[in-house]
Amino acid sequence: MTEATNGAGPVAGRECQGINLAGEPCGWPPTRGRSWCVHHDPDRQGEVKRRRRRGGFTRLAQKSRAITPEEVPGPLDSLEAIEAALETVHAKVATGDIDPPRGQVLGKLLQTLHACRLKRERMEERLRDVERGYRVRA
């Protein structure tokens, strides 16, 4: 039986001898000269386990860490303060003080706050105009 390879290691036309978590055959191609894929190769289990642990902890740490007060510039009591906070977040992302995904979240929150604040200020101005017009007629 001739086995075709793609030159990168996996053997085309064959499947790994491993069993996945659902109890079914793995389905990944085995590495060249082996009956197992990189995930199920018994000689690589220590390496695979270390990579899974490290990758899982890294993702978990990134997902679970709350945004700290130091990452949120404040107070955010005016449009100018919110705009300054946006500039600060952008600068911190650029310098690496805040990682990009956190910067995106902070940026979106600040943009939303800015839009709400702007809408509120415009509505307050319209209300003042209406009140002035009402006083003139009364």
N, C-alpha and C. Protein backbone atom coordinates (compact mmCIF):
# COMPACT_ATOMS: atom_id res chain seq x y z
N MET A 1 0.85 -1.18 0.00
CA MET A 1 0.00 0.00 0.00
C MET A 1 0.89 1.25 0.00
N THR A 2 0.68 2.14 -0.94
CA THR A 2 1.46 3.36 -1.05
C THR A 2 0.72 4.49 -0.35
N GLU A 3 1.45 5.25 0.45
CA GLU A 3 0.84 6.35 1.18
C GLU A 3 1.32 7.66 0.58
N ALA A 4 0.39 8.50 0.16
CA ALA A 4 0.74 9.81 -0.38
C ALA A 4 0.88 10.80 0.76
N THR A 5 1.88 11.64 0.68
CA THR A 5 2.06 12.68 1.70
C THR A 5 2.00 14.04 1.04
N ASN A 6 1.66 15.03 1.82
CA ASN A 6 1.60 16.39 1.29
C ASN A 6 2.90 17.14 1.54
N GLY A 7 3.91 16.47 2.04
CA GLY A 7 5.20 17.10 2.28
C GLY A 7 5.33 17.76 3.62
N ALA A 8 4.21 18.03 4.32
CA ALA A 8 4.26 18.72 5.61
C ALA A 8 4.19 17.75 6.77
N GLY A 9 3.98 16.50 6.52
CA GLY A 9 3.96 15.54 7.61
C GLY A 9 2.75 14.64 7.62
N PRO A 10 1.52 15.17 7.56
CA PRO A 10 0.36 14.29 7.60
C PRO A 10 0.29 13.39 6.37
N VAL A 11 -0.27 12.22 6.55
CA VAL A 11 -0.39 11.25 5.48
C VAL A 11 -1.81 11.34 4.92
N ALA A 12 -1.90 11.62 3.62
CA ALA A 12 -3.21 11.74 2.98
C ALA A 12 -3.85 10.36 2.83
N GLY A 13 -5.14 10.27 2.94
CA GLY A 13 -5.86 9.03 2.72
C GLY A 13 -5.92 8.11 3.91
N ARG A 14 -5.34 8.48 5.04
CA ARG A 14 -5.40 7.66 6.25
C ARG A 14 -5.91 8.50 7.39
N GLU A 15 -6.37 7.83 8.44
CA GLU A 15 -6.86 8.54 9.62
C GLU A 15 -6.09 8.09 10.84
N CYS A 16 -6.02 8.97 11.81
CA CYS A 16 -5.38 8.70 13.09
C CYS A 16 -6.07 7.52 13.77
N GLN A 17 -5.30 6.76 14.54
CA GLN A 17 -5.84 5.62 15.29
C GLN A 17 -6.51 6.05 16.59
N GLY A 18 -6.40 7.35 16.92
CA GLY A 18 -6.96 7.85 18.17
C GLY A 18 -8.48 7.93 18.17
N ILE A 19 -9.02 8.06 19.37
CA ILE A 19 -10.46 8.18 19.57
C ILE A 19 -10.73 9.55 20.20
N ASN A 20 -11.69 10.29 19.65
CA ASN A 20 -11.99 11.61 20.19
C ASN A 20 -12.87 11.51 21.44
N LEU A 21 -13.21 12.66 22.03
CA LEU A 21 -13.99 12.68 23.27
C LEU A 21 -15.39 12.10 23.10
N ALA A 22 -15.91 12.13 21.87
CA ALA A 22 -17.24 11.57 21.60
C ALA A 22 -17.18 10.06 21.41
N GLY A 23 -15.96 9.47 21.50
CA GLY A 23 -15.81 8.03 21.34
C GLY A 23 -15.74 7.58 19.89
N GLU A 24 -15.56 8.53 18.99
CA GLU A 24 -15.48 8.23 17.56
C GLU A 24 -14.03 8.29 17.10
N PRO A 25 -13.73 7.70 15.93
CA PRO A 25 -12.37 7.81 15.40
C PRO A 25 -11.99 9.27 15.21
N CYS A 26 -10.73 9.57 15.44
CA CYS A 26 -10.23 10.95 15.43
C CYS A 26 -10.54 11.67 14.12
N GLY A 27 -10.16 11.11 13.00
CA GLY A 27 -10.43 11.76 11.73
C GLY A 27 -9.27 12.61 11.21
N TRP A 28 -8.32 12.98 12.06
CA TRP A 28 -7.16 13.73 11.62
C TRP A 28 -6.20 12.78 10.91
N PRO A 29 -5.43 13.30 9.94
CA PRO A 29 -4.43 12.44 9.31
C PRO A 29 -3.26 12.20 10.26
N PRO A 30 -2.67 11.00 10.23
CA PRO A 30 -1.51 10.75 11.08
C PRO A 30 -0.28 11.46 10.54
N THR A 31 0.70 11.70 11.39
CA THR A 31 1.95 12.28 10.94
C THR A 31 2.74 11.22 10.18
N ARG A 32 3.64 11.65 9.35
CA ARG A 32 4.42 10.75 8.50
C ARG A 32 5.14 9.69 9.34
N GLY A 33 4.97 8.44 8.92
CA GLY A 33 5.63 7.34 9.59
C GLY A 33 4.99 6.92 10.90
N ARG A 34 3.84 7.47 11.24
CA ARG A 34 3.16 7.14 12.50
C ARG A 34 1.72 6.74 12.20
N SER A 35 1.06 6.19 13.19
CA SER A 35 -0.36 5.84 13.07
C SER A 35 -1.24 6.84 13.79
N TRP A 36 -0.63 7.88 14.36
CA TRP A 36 -1.34 8.84 15.20
C TRP A 36 -1.16 10.25 14.66
N CYS A 37 -2.16 11.10 14.89
CA CYS A 37 -2.01 12.53 14.59
C CYS A 37 -1.20 13.17 15.71
N VAL A 38 -0.87 14.44 15.57
CA VAL A 38 -0.07 15.11 16.60
C VAL A 38 -0.79 15.17 17.94
N HIS A 39 -2.12 15.11 17.93
CA HIS A 39 -2.88 15.21 19.17
C HIS A 39 -2.95 13.90 19.94
N HIS A 40 -2.87 12.76 19.23
CA HIS A 40 -3.03 11.47 19.88
C HIS A 40 -1.74 10.66 19.96
N ASP A 41 -0.66 11.15 19.41
CA ASP A 41 0.61 10.41 19.41
C ASP A 41 1.06 10.20 20.85
N PRO A 42 1.18 8.93 21.30
CA PRO A 42 1.56 8.67 22.69
C PRO A 42 2.93 9.25 23.06
N ASP A 43 3.82 9.36 22.09
CA ASP A 43 5.15 9.91 22.36
C ASP A 43 5.13 11.42 22.55
N ARG A 44 4.04 12.06 22.21
CA ARG A 44 3.95 13.52 22.31
C ARG A 44 2.94 13.97 23.35
N GLN A 45 2.39 13.08 24.14
CA GLN A 45 1.31 13.44 25.07
C GLN A 45 1.74 14.50 26.09
N GLY A 46 2.97 14.41 26.58
CA GLY A 46 3.44 15.41 27.54
C GLY A 46 3.47 16.80 26.92
N GLU A 47 3.98 16.87 25.70
CA GLU A 47 4.05 18.15 24.98
C GLU A 47 2.65 18.68 24.68
N VAL A 48 1.76 17.81 24.23
CA VAL A 48 0.38 18.20 23.91
C VAL A 48 -0.32 18.70 25.17
N LYS A 49 -0.12 17.99 26.28
CA LYS A 49 -0.77 18.37 27.54
C LYS A 49 -0.28 19.75 28.00
N ARG A 50 1.03 19.99 27.91
CA ARG A 50 1.59 21.29 28.30
C ARG A 50 1.01 22.41 27.42
N ARG A 51 0.94 22.17 26.13
CA ARG A 51 0.40 23.20 25.22
C ARG A 51 -1.07 23.48 25.51
N ARG A 52 -1.84 22.42 25.74
CA ARG A 52 -3.26 22.61 26.04
C ARG A 52 -3.44 23.39 27.33
N ARG A 53 -2.67 23.02 28.35
CA ARG A 53 -2.77 23.73 29.63
C ARG A 53 -2.41 25.19 29.46
N ARG A 54 -1.28 25.43 28.82
CA ARG A 54 -0.81 26.80 28.65
C ARG A 54 -1.80 27.62 27.83
N GLY A 55 -2.27 27.07 26.73
CA GLY A 55 -3.23 27.78 25.89
C GLY A 55 -4.54 28.02 26.61
N GLY A 56 -5.02 27.03 27.33
CA GLY A 56 -6.27 27.18 28.06
C GLY A 56 -6.17 28.22 29.15
N PHE A 57 -5.06 28.21 29.89
CA PHE A 57 -4.90 29.20 30.96
C PHE A 57 -4.77 30.59 30.38
N THR A 58 -4.06 30.71 29.26
CA THR A 58 -3.90 32.02 28.65
C THR A 58 -5.25 32.58 28.22
N ARG A 59 -6.04 31.75 27.52
CA ARG A 59 -7.36 32.22 27.09
C ARG A 59 -8.27 32.53 28.27
N LEU A 60 -8.24 31.68 29.27
CA LEU A 60 -9.08 31.89 30.45
C LEU A 60 -8.69 33.19 31.15
N ALA A 61 -7.40 33.43 31.28
CA ALA A 61 -6.95 34.66 31.93
C ALA A 61 -7.38 35.88 31.14
N GLN A 62 -7.31 35.81 29.82
CA GLN A 62 -7.72 36.95 29.00
C GLN A 62 -9.21 37.19 29.09
N LYS A 63 -9.99 36.11 29.14
CA LYS A 63 -11.44 36.25 29.18
C LYS A 63 -11.94 36.71 30.54
N SER A 64 -11.31 36.24 31.62
CA SER A 64 -11.90 36.44 32.93
C SER A 64 -11.42 37.69 33.65
N ARG A 65 -10.34 38.31 33.23
CA ARG A 65 -9.82 39.46 33.94
C ARG A 65 -10.73 40.67 33.72
N ALA A 66 -11.14 41.26 34.79
CA ALA A 66 -12.01 42.43 34.72
C ALA A 66 -11.20 43.66 34.31
N ILE A 67 -11.88 44.63 33.74
CA ILE A 67 -11.24 45.90 33.42
C ILE A 67 -11.03 46.64 34.73
N THR A 68 -9.82 47.07 34.96
CA THR A 68 -9.48 47.72 36.22
C THR A 68 -9.81 49.22 36.16
N PRO A 69 -9.99 49.84 37.32
CA PRO A 69 -10.25 51.29 37.34
C PRO A 69 -9.12 52.09 36.69
N GLU A 70 -7.89 51.58 36.76
CA GLU A 70 -6.77 52.29 36.14
C GLU A 70 -6.89 52.32 34.62
N GLU A 71 -7.59 51.34 34.06
CA GLU A 71 -7.76 51.28 32.61
C GLU A 71 -8.88 52.21 32.13
N VAL A 72 -9.72 52.69 33.02
CA VAL A 72 -10.82 53.57 32.65
C VAL A 72 -10.47 54.99 33.08
N PRO A 73 -10.15 55.84 32.10
CA PRO A 73 -9.85 57.23 32.45
C PRO A 73 -11.12 57.92 32.93
N GLY A 74 -11.01 58.72 33.92
CA GLY A 74 -12.21 59.37 34.44
C GLY A 74 -11.86 60.69 35.07
N PRO A 75 -12.79 61.45 35.58
CA PRO A 75 -14.24 61.25 35.51
C PRO A 75 -14.76 61.50 34.10
N LEU A 76 -15.88 60.91 33.78
CA LEU A 76 -16.45 61.00 32.44
C LEU A 76 -17.74 61.81 32.48
N ASP A 77 -17.61 63.05 32.94
CA ASP A 77 -18.80 63.86 33.19
C ASP A 77 -19.10 64.90 32.10
N SER A 78 -18.33 64.88 31.00
CA SER A 78 -18.60 65.80 29.90
C SER A 78 -18.16 65.17 28.59
N LEU A 79 -18.61 65.75 27.49
CA LEU A 79 -18.20 65.24 26.19
C LEU A 79 -16.69 65.34 26.02
N GLU A 80 -16.12 66.43 26.49
CA GLU A 80 -14.67 66.63 26.38
C GLU A 80 -13.91 65.58 27.18
N ALA A 81 -14.41 65.25 28.35
CA ALA A 81 -13.75 64.24 29.20
C ALA A 81 -13.82 62.86 28.54
N ILE A 82 -14.95 62.55 27.92
CA ILE A 82 -15.10 61.25 27.25
C ILE A 82 -14.18 61.19 26.04
N GLU A 83 -14.09 62.28 25.28
CA GLU A 83 -13.19 62.32 24.13
C GLU A 83 -11.74 62.17 24.56
N ALA A 84 -11.38 62.81 25.67
CA ALA A 84 -10.02 62.67 26.21
C ALA A 84 -9.75 61.22 26.65
N ALA A 85 -10.77 60.60 27.24
CA ALA A 85 -10.62 59.21 27.67
C ALA A 85 -10.42 58.29 26.47
N LEU A 86 -11.15 58.54 25.38
CA LEU A 86 -10.96 57.76 24.15
C LEU A 86 -9.53 57.90 23.64
N GLU A 87 -9.02 59.12 23.64
CA GLU A 87 -7.64 59.35 23.20
C GLU A 87 -6.66 58.62 24.11
N THR A 88 -6.92 58.63 25.40
CA THR A 88 -6.04 57.93 26.35
C THR A 88 -6.05 56.43 26.11
N VAL A 89 -7.23 55.87 25.89
CA VAL A 89 -7.33 54.43 25.61
C VAL A 89 -6.56 54.09 24.34
N HIS A 90 -6.74 54.88 23.29
CA HIS A 90 -6.02 54.63 22.04
C HIS A 90 -4.51 54.69 22.27
N ALA A 91 -4.05 55.66 23.04
CA ALA A 91 -2.62 55.77 23.31
C ALA A 91 -2.12 54.58 24.12
N LYS A 92 -2.90 54.13 25.11
CA LYS A 92 -2.48 52.99 25.92
C LYS A 92 -2.43 51.70 25.11
N VAL A 93 -3.35 51.54 24.16
CA VAL A 93 -3.29 50.37 23.27
C VAL A 93 -2.04 50.46 22.41
N ALA A 94 -1.76 51.64 21.88
CA ALA A 94 -0.60 51.83 21.00
C ALA A 94 0.71 51.56 21.72
N THR A 95 0.78 51.88 23.00
CA THR A 95 2.02 51.66 23.76
C THR A 95 2.08 50.30 24.43
N GLY A 96 0.97 49.54 24.35
CA GLY A 96 0.95 48.21 24.95
C GLY A 96 0.53 48.18 26.40
N ASP A 97 0.11 49.32 26.96
CA ASP A 97 -0.35 49.35 28.35
C ASP A 97 -1.70 48.65 28.51
N ILE A 98 -2.50 48.62 27.44
CA ILE A 98 -3.78 47.90 27.41
C ILE A 98 -3.74 47.02 26.16
N ASP A 99 -4.12 45.75 26.30
CA ASP A 99 -4.10 44.89 25.12
C ASP A 99 -5.26 45.27 24.18
N PRO A 100 -5.09 45.03 22.88
CA PRO A 100 -6.08 45.47 21.89
C PRO A 100 -7.52 45.03 22.14
N PRO A 101 -7.79 43.77 22.53
CA PRO A 101 -9.20 43.42 22.78
C PRO A 101 -9.83 44.24 23.90
N ARG A 102 -9.07 44.51 24.95
CA ARG A 102 -9.59 45.32 26.06
C ARG A 102 -9.78 46.77 25.60
N GLY A 103 -8.85 47.24 24.77
CA GLY A 103 -8.98 48.58 24.23
C GLY A 103 -10.21 48.73 23.37
N GLN A 104 -10.53 47.67 22.60
CA GLN A 104 -11.75 47.71 21.78
C GLN A 104 -12.98 47.81 22.66
N VAL A 105 -13.01 47.04 23.74
CA VAL A 105 -14.17 47.08 24.64
C VAL A 105 -14.28 48.45 25.28
N LEU A 106 -13.18 48.95 25.81
CA LEU A 106 -13.21 50.28 26.43
C LEU A 106 -13.61 51.34 25.41
N GLY A 107 -13.05 51.26 24.22
CA GLY A 107 -13.38 52.23 23.18
C GLY A 107 -14.86 52.21 22.83
N LYS A 108 -15.42 51.02 22.68
CA LYS A 108 -16.84 50.91 22.35
C LYS A 108 -17.71 51.46 23.48
N LEU A 109 -17.35 51.14 24.72
CA LEU A 109 -18.10 51.66 25.87
C LEU A 109 -18.04 53.19 25.91
N LEU A 110 -16.86 53.73 25.67
CA LEU A 110 -16.71 55.19 25.70
C LEU A 110 -17.45 55.84 24.53
N GLN A 111 -17.43 55.20 23.35
CA GLN A 111 -18.18 55.74 22.21
C GLN A 111 -19.68 55.74 22.49
N THR A 112 -20.16 54.67 23.11
CA THR A 112 -21.58 54.59 23.46
C THR A 112 -21.94 55.66 24.48
N LEU A 113 -21.09 55.82 25.49
CA LEU A 113 -21.32 56.86 26.50
C LEU A 113 -21.31 58.24 25.84
N HIS A 114 -20.38 58.45 24.92
CA HIS A 114 -20.30 59.73 24.22
C HIS A 114 -21.58 60.00 23.44
N ALA A 115 -22.07 58.99 22.71
CA ALA A 115 -23.30 59.16 21.93
C ALA A 115 -24.49 59.48 22.84
N CYS A 116 -24.57 58.79 23.97
CA CYS A 116 -25.67 59.03 24.92
C CYS A 116 -25.57 60.43 25.51
N ARG A 117 -24.37 60.82 25.89
CA ARG A 117 -24.16 62.15 26.47
C ARG A 117 -24.51 63.24 25.45
N LEU A 118 -24.08 63.04 24.20
CA LEU A 118 -24.36 64.02 23.15
C LEU A 118 -25.86 64.14 22.91
N LYS A 119 -26.54 63.00 22.85
CA LYS A 119 -27.99 63.01 22.66
C LYS A 119 -28.68 63.71 23.82
N ARG A 120 -28.21 63.45 25.03
CA ARG A 120 -28.79 64.08 26.21
C ARG A 120 -28.61 65.60 26.16
N GLU A 121 -27.40 66.04 25.81
CA GLU A 121 -27.16 67.48 25.75
C GLU A 121 -28.03 68.15 24.69
N ARG A 122 -28.20 67.49 23.55
CA ARG A 122 -29.05 68.05 22.49
C ARG A 122 -30.51 68.11 22.94
N MET A 123 -30.97 67.08 23.63
CA MET A 123 -32.35 67.08 24.13
C MET A 123 -32.55 68.15 25.17
N GLU A 124 -31.56 68.35 26.05
CA GLU A 124 -31.66 69.40 27.06
C GLU A 124 -31.73 70.78 26.41
N GLU A 125 -30.94 70.96 25.34
CA GLU A 125 -30.95 72.23 24.62
C GLU A 125 -32.31 72.45 23.95
N ARG A 126 -32.86 71.40 23.35
CA ARG A 126 -34.18 71.53 22.74
C ARG A 126 -35.24 71.83 23.79
N LEU A 127 -35.15 71.22 24.95
CA LEU A 127 -36.11 71.48 26.03
C LEU A 127 -36.01 72.93 26.48
N ARG A 128 -34.77 73.44 26.59
CA ARG A 128 -34.61 74.86 26.97
C ARG A 128 -35.25 75.77 25.92
N ASP A 129 -35.06 75.42 24.64
CA ASP A 129 -35.68 76.23 23.57
C ASP A 129 -37.20 76.21 23.68
N VAL A 130 -37.77 75.04 23.94
CA VAL A 130 -39.22 74.92 24.08
C VAL A 130 -39.69 75.73 25.28
N GLU A 131 -38.97 75.64 26.40
CA GLU A 131 -39.36 76.39 27.61
C GLU A 131 -39.28 77.89 27.36
N ARG A 132 -38.23 78.33 26.65
CA ARG A 132 -38.11 79.76 26.33
C ARG A 132 -39.28 80.21 25.46
N GLY A 133 -39.65 79.40 24.49
CA GLY A 133 -40.78 79.71 23.61
C GLY A 133 -42.08 79.73 24.38
N TYR A 134 -42.25 78.88 25.33
CA TYR A 134 -43.46 78.82 26.14
C TYR A 134 -43.56 80.07 27.01
N ARG A 135 -42.42 80.50 27.61
CA ARG A 135 -42.42 81.69 28.44
C ARG A 135 -42.76 82.95 27.65
N VAL A 136 -42.30 83.01 26.42
CA VAL A 136 -42.53 84.18 25.57
C VAL A 136 -44.03 84.31 25.29
N ARG A 137 -44.70 83.19 25.02
CA ARG A 137 -46.13 83.21 24.70
C ARG A 137 -46.99 83.40 25.94
N ALA A 138 -46.53 83.03 27.09
CA ALA A 138 -47.37 83.05 28.30
C ALA A 138 -47.54 84.42 28.87
